[in-house]
Amino acid sequence: TDKADPAAADLVEVTGYGGKKVKLHRLAAKHWQELVDAARADGHADPLLQPTSGYRSYAYQKTLFDKAVVRYKSQAAARKWVAPPGGSPHQSGRAIDFWMGIANDSSNVDEQRKTAIWAWLVDNAERFGFYPYDNEPWHWEYNPPTR
């Protein structure tokens, strides 16, 4: 539930889809790499599971939300796909939007849920501390259980 910006020292940069540099919380990055290594060992090839998005500042989240309001014609409709600033787990650096072989877009939700990589995530992501966001099959959050 913590959506606060992480300390700058807790953000690391990883190479994402298409060579894009993506910032993640250092713990999310560590466990993301373990998740990717396991997926590769199970036959899921690169670039699957590369991040398309990770940490987002308040200002960037606001820009994304404002664009979504224009696209979906209301704040209520936009909220289904983009959190308003201050409400996104991306601001913690622990949320990752994965490349799953199909563009991350509301029009592709059903198709993404038919992919082998999505099925693999459903079966395996929790052991690396990642949990799904129900509306978006590409969005997973690092949130390991406390012991």
Foldseek 3Di string as FASTA:
>chain_A
DDQAADDPVQWDWDQFPPRDTEIAGVLLVVLLVVVVVVVVVVPDDPPWFGFPYAADALVRLQVQQVVLCVVQVHSVRSCLPGPHRPPDSSNHRFKTQTDHPDDFDLVCQVVSCPGPVLVVCVVPVVVSQWDDDVSTSRIIGRHHDDD
